[in-house]
C-alpha atoms as a PDB file:
ATOM      1  CA  UNK A   1     -95.898 139.224  48.203  1.00  0.00           C
ATOM      2  CA  UNK A   2     -92.111 138.922  48.451  1.00  0.00           C
ATOM      3  CA  UNK A   3     -89.663 141.648  49.390  1.00  0.00           C
ATOM      4  CA  UNK A   4     -86.039 141.252  48.396  1.00  0.00           C
ATOM      5  CA  UNK A   5     -83.040 143.032  49.893  1.00  0.00           C
ATOM      6  CA  UNK A   6     -79.589 142.630  48.368  1.00  0.00           C
ATOM      7  CA  UNK A   7     -76.292 143.169  50.175  1.00  0.00           C
ATOM      8  CA  UNK A   8     -72.610 142.412  49.778  1.00  0.00           C
ATOM      9  CA  UNK A   9     -71.658 144.669  46.911  1.00  0.00           C
ATOM     10  CA  UNK A  10     -68.587 146.859  46.961  1.00  0.00           C
ATOM     11  CA  UNK A  11     -65.324 147.819  45.313  1.00  0.00           C
ATOM     12  CA  UNK A  12     -62.850 145.057  44.526  1.00  0.00           C
ATOM     13  CA  UNK A  13     -59.756 144.701  42.377  1.00  0.00           C
ATOM     14  CA  UNK A  14     -59.755 142.541  39.284  1.00  0.00           C
ATOM     15  CA  UNK A  15     -59.219 138.924  40.208  1.00  0.00           C
ATOM     16  CA  UNK A  16     -60.880 139.378  43.558  1.00  0.00           C
ATOM     17  CA  UNK A  17     -64.061 137.898  44.995  1.00  0.00           C
ATOM     18  CA  UNK A  18     -67.349 139.069  46.452  1.00  0.00           C
ATOM     19  CA  UNK A  19     -70.396 137.271  47.798  1.00  0.00           C
ATOM     20  CA  UNK A  20     -73.779 138.862  47.282  1.00  0.00           C
ATOM     21  CA  UNK A  21     -76.744 137.981  49.457  1.00  0.00           C
ATOM     22  CA  UNK A  22     -80.446 138.450  48.841  1.00  0.00           C
ATOM     23  CA  UNK A  23     -82.738 138.151  51.837  1.00  0.00           C
ATOM     24  CA  UNK A  24     -86.393 137.466  51.095  1.00  0.00           C
ATOM     25  CA  UNK A  25     -89.346 138.227  53.294  1.00  0.00           C
ATOM     26  CA  UNK A  26     -92.737 136.667  52.941  1.00  0.00           C
ATOM     27  CA  UNK A  27     -93.994 133.132  52.878  1.00  0.00           C
ATOM     28  CA  UNK A  28     -93.121 130.118  50.781  1.00  0.00           C
ATOM     29  CA  UNK A  29     -89.630 131.227  49.776  1.00  0.00           C
ATOM     30  CA  UNK A  30     -88.772 127.657  48.784  1.00  0.00           C
ATOM     31  CA  UNK A  31     -91.487 127.690  46.118  1.00  0.00           C
ATOM     32  CA  UNK A  32     -89.889 130.585  44.231  1.00  0.00           C
ATOM     33  CA  UNK A  33     -87.191 130.316  41.652  1.00  0.00           C
ATOM     34  CA  UNK A  34     -84.536 132.976  42.187  1.00  0.00           C
ATOM     35  CA  UNK A  35     -82.138 134.788  39.931  1.00  0.00           C
ATOM     36  CA  UNK A  36     -79.481 137.452  39.708  1.00  0.00           C
ATOM     37  CA  UNK A  37     -79.408 140.046  36.958  1.00  0.00           C
ATOM     38  CA  UNK A  38     -77.083 142.986  36.442  1.00  0.00           C
ATOM     39  CA  UNK A  39     -77.207 146.321  34.705  1.00  0.00           C
ATOM     40  CA  UNK A  40     -74.278 148.515  33.781  1.00  0.00           C
ATOM     41  CA  UNK A  41     -74.769 152.248  33.087  1.00  0.00           C
ATOM     42  CA  UNK A  42     -76.299 152.810  29.682  1.00  0.00           C
ATOM     43  CA  UNK A  43     -76.861 149.110  29.088  1.00  0.00           C
ATOM     44  CA  UNK A  44     -79.787 146.723  29.325  1.00  0.00           C
ATOM     45  CA  UNK A  45     -80.419 144.471  32.288  1.00  0.00           C
ATOM     46  CA  UNK A  46     -78.582 141.196  31.710  1.00  0.00           C
ATOM     47  CA  UNK A  47     -79.192 137.756  33.106  1.00  0.00           C
ATOM     48  CA  UNK A  48     -76.448 136.389  35.370  1.00  0.00           C
ATOM     49  CA  UNK A  49     -77.691 133.196  37.058  1.00  0.00           C
ATOM     50  CA  UNK A  50     -80.829 131.432  38.184  1.00  0.00           C
ATOM     51  CA  UNK A  51     -81.627 128.676  40.656  1.00  0.00           C
ATOM     52  CA  UNK A  52     -84.605 126.402  41.086  1.00  0.00           C
ATOM     53  CA  UNK A  53     -86.225 125.254  44.294  1.00  0.00           C
ATOM     54  CA  UNK A  54     -83.040 123.404  45.306  1.00  0.00           C
ATOM     55  CA  UNK A  55     -79.324 123.887  44.783  1.00  0.00           C
ATOM     56  CA  UNK A  56     -79.296 121.110  42.176  1.00  0.00           C
ATOM     57  CA  UNK A  57     -80.958 123.159  39.445  1.00  0.00           C
ATOM     58  CA  UNK A  58     -78.923 126.146  38.277  1.00  0.00           C
ATOM     59  CA  UNK A  59     -78.168 127.951  35.033  1.00  0.00           C
ATOM     60  CA  UNK A  60     -75.600 130.632  34.221  1.00  0.00           C
ATOM     61  CA  UNK A  61     -74.867 133.195  31.582  1.00  0.00           C
ATOM     62  CA  UNK A  62     -71.862 132.193  29.498  1.00  0.00           C
ATOM     63  CA  UNK A  63     -70.007 135.306  30.631  1.00  0.00           C
ATOM     64  CA  UNK A  64     -69.951 134.165  34.271  1.00  0.00           C
ATOM     65  CA  UNK A  65     -69.923 130.380  33.944  1.00  0.00           C
ATOM     66  CA  UNK A  66     -67.089 128.860  35.947  1.00  0.00           C
ATOM     67  CA  UNK A  67     -66.542 132.059  37.939  1.00  0.00           C
ATOM     68  CA  UNK A  68     -69.891 132.681  39.669  1.00  0.00           C
ATOM     69  CA  UNK A  69     -71.937 130.295  41.791  1.00  0.00           C
ATOM     70  CA  UNK A  70     -75.560 130.779  42.776  1.00  0.00           C
ATOM     71  CA  UNK A  71     -76.934 128.979  45.818  1.00  0.00           C
ATOM     72  CA  UNK A  72     -79.818 129.226  48.233  1.00  0.00           C
ATOM     73  CA  UNK A  73     -80.574 128.488  51.866  1.00  0.00           C
ATOM     74  CA  UNK A  74     -84.304 127.946  52.187  1.00  0.00           C
ATOM     75  CA  UNK A  75     -84.091 127.839  55.984  1.00  0.00           C
ATOM     76  CA  UNK A  76     -82.707 131.399  55.932  1.00  0.00           C
ATOM     77  CA  UNK A  77     -84.841 132.664  53.023  1.00  0.00           C
ATOM     78  CA  UNK A  78     -81.635 133.770  51.322  1.00  0.00           C
ATOM     79  CA  UNK A  79     -80.020 133.341  47.931  1.00  0.00           C
ATOM     80  CA  UNK A  80     -76.336 133.969  47.321  1.00  0.00           C
ATOM     81  CA  UNK A  81     -74.072 134.792  44.426  1.00  0.00           C
ATOM     82  CA  UNK A  82     -70.431 133.906  44.969  1.00  0.00           C
ATOM     83  CA  UNK A  83     -68.345 135.832  42.458  1.00  0.00           C
ATOM     84  CA  UNK A  84     -64.718 134.840  41.884  1.00  0.00           C
ATOM     85  CA  UNK A  85     -62.084 135.987  39.401  1.00  0.00           C
ATOM     86  CA  UNK A  86     -63.917 139.261  38.969  1.00  0.00           C
ATOM     87  CA  UNK A  87     -63.266 141.359  35.877  1.00  0.00           C
ATOM     88  CA  UNK A  88     -63.822 145.079  35.229  1.00  0.00           C
ATOM     89  CA  UNK A  89     -66.642 144.117  32.840  1.00  0.00           C
ATOM     90  CA  UNK A  90     -68.509 142.616  35.817  1.00  0.00           C
ATOM     91  CA  UNK A  91     -69.041 146.148  37.120  1.00  0.00           C
ATOM     92  CA  UNK A  92     -72.794 146.742  37.398  1.00  0.00           C
ATOM     93  CA  UNK A  93     -75.765 147.106  39.687  1.00  0.00           C
ATOM     94  CA  UNK A  94     -76.740 143.573  40.662  1.00  0.00           C
ATOM     95  CA  UNK A  95     -80.399 142.735  41.213  1.00  0.00           C
ATOM     96  CA  UNK A  96     -82.037 139.790  42.891  1.00  0.00           C
ATOM     97  CA  UNK A  97     -85.329 138.548  41.440  1.00  0.00           C
ATOM     98  CA  UNK A  98     -87.989 135.993  42.371  1.00  0.00           C
ATOM     99  CA  UNK A  99     -90.681 134.184  40.421  1.00  0.00           C
ATOM    100  CA  UNK A 100     -93.324 131.764  41.601  1.00  0.00           C
ATOM    101  CA  UNK A 101     -92.866 129.081  38.990  1.00  0.00           C
ATOM    102  CA  UNK A 102     -91.319 125.650  38.766  1.00  0.00           C
ATOM    103  CA  UNK A 103     -88.990 126.036  35.794  1.00  0.00           C
ATOM    104  CA  UNK A 104     -85.959 128.277  35.901  1.00  0.00           C
ATOM    105  CA  UNK A 105     -85.756 131.019  33.306  1.00  0.00           C
ATOM    106  CA  UNK A 106     -83.280 133.660  32.166  1.00  0.00           C
ATOM    107  CA  UNK A 107     -86.011 136.015  30.894  1.00  0.00           C
ATOM    108  CA  UNK A 108     -86.304 139.022  33.175  1.00  0.00           C
ATOM    109  CA  UNK A 109     -89.937 139.736  32.324  1.00  0.00           C
ATOM    110  CA  UNK A 110     -90.912 136.394  33.845  1.00  0.00           C
ATOM    111  CA  UNK A 111     -89.796 137.481  37.303  1.00  0.00           C
ATOM    112  CA  UNK A 112     -92.404 138.982  39.603  1.00  0.00           C
ATOM    113  CA  UNK A 113     -90.356 140.549  42.382  1.00  0.00           C
ATOM    114  CA  UNK A 114     -87.154 142.569  42.367  1.00  0.00           C
ATOM    115  CA  UNK A 115     -84.802 144.032  44.910  1.00  0.00           C
ATOM    116  CA  UNK A 116     -83.295 147.509  44.788  1.00  0.00           C
ATOM    117  CA  UNK A 117     -79.885 146.310  43.720  1.00  0.00           C
ATOM    118  CA  UNK A 118     -76.363 146.321  45.126  1.00  0.00           C
ATOM    119  CA  UNK A 119     -73.435 147.955  43.329  1.00  0.00           C
ATOM    120  CA  UNK A 120     -70.414 145.919  42.328  1.00  0.00           C
ATOM    121  CA  UNK A 121     -67.390 147.800  41.021  1.00  0.00           C
ATOM    122  CA  UNK A 122     -64.288 145.977  39.806  1.00  0.00           C
ATOM    123  CA  UNK A 123     -61.169 148.065  39.282  1.00  0.00           C
ATOM    124  CA  UNK A 124     -58.451 147.095  36.825  1.00  0.00           C
END
């Protein structure tokens, strides 16, 4: 069992930056792949980024590539999402997710555990 708690969301102007954190409880954090998804009001949950067991295996949605960076610190049981050059269309509730598998995936149904989400609002 893994519990995930996101933090770091907030209100920022377009062009600004935020860093989201996701703290995981439970054992064997390093054996889980991790991901960030987001959901805007009235829209489906969209994939943002995923990371494998180490920081060398990552994959991003085209909409955030070059602006967002996902990373993890296995010693702290934490995954991060550094978001730069934020745009109003990045406004959403951001969720952290975990899956006990070896291959990264962008498919949300393949993730076993989810946090409650942290709100990111980007003003124009």
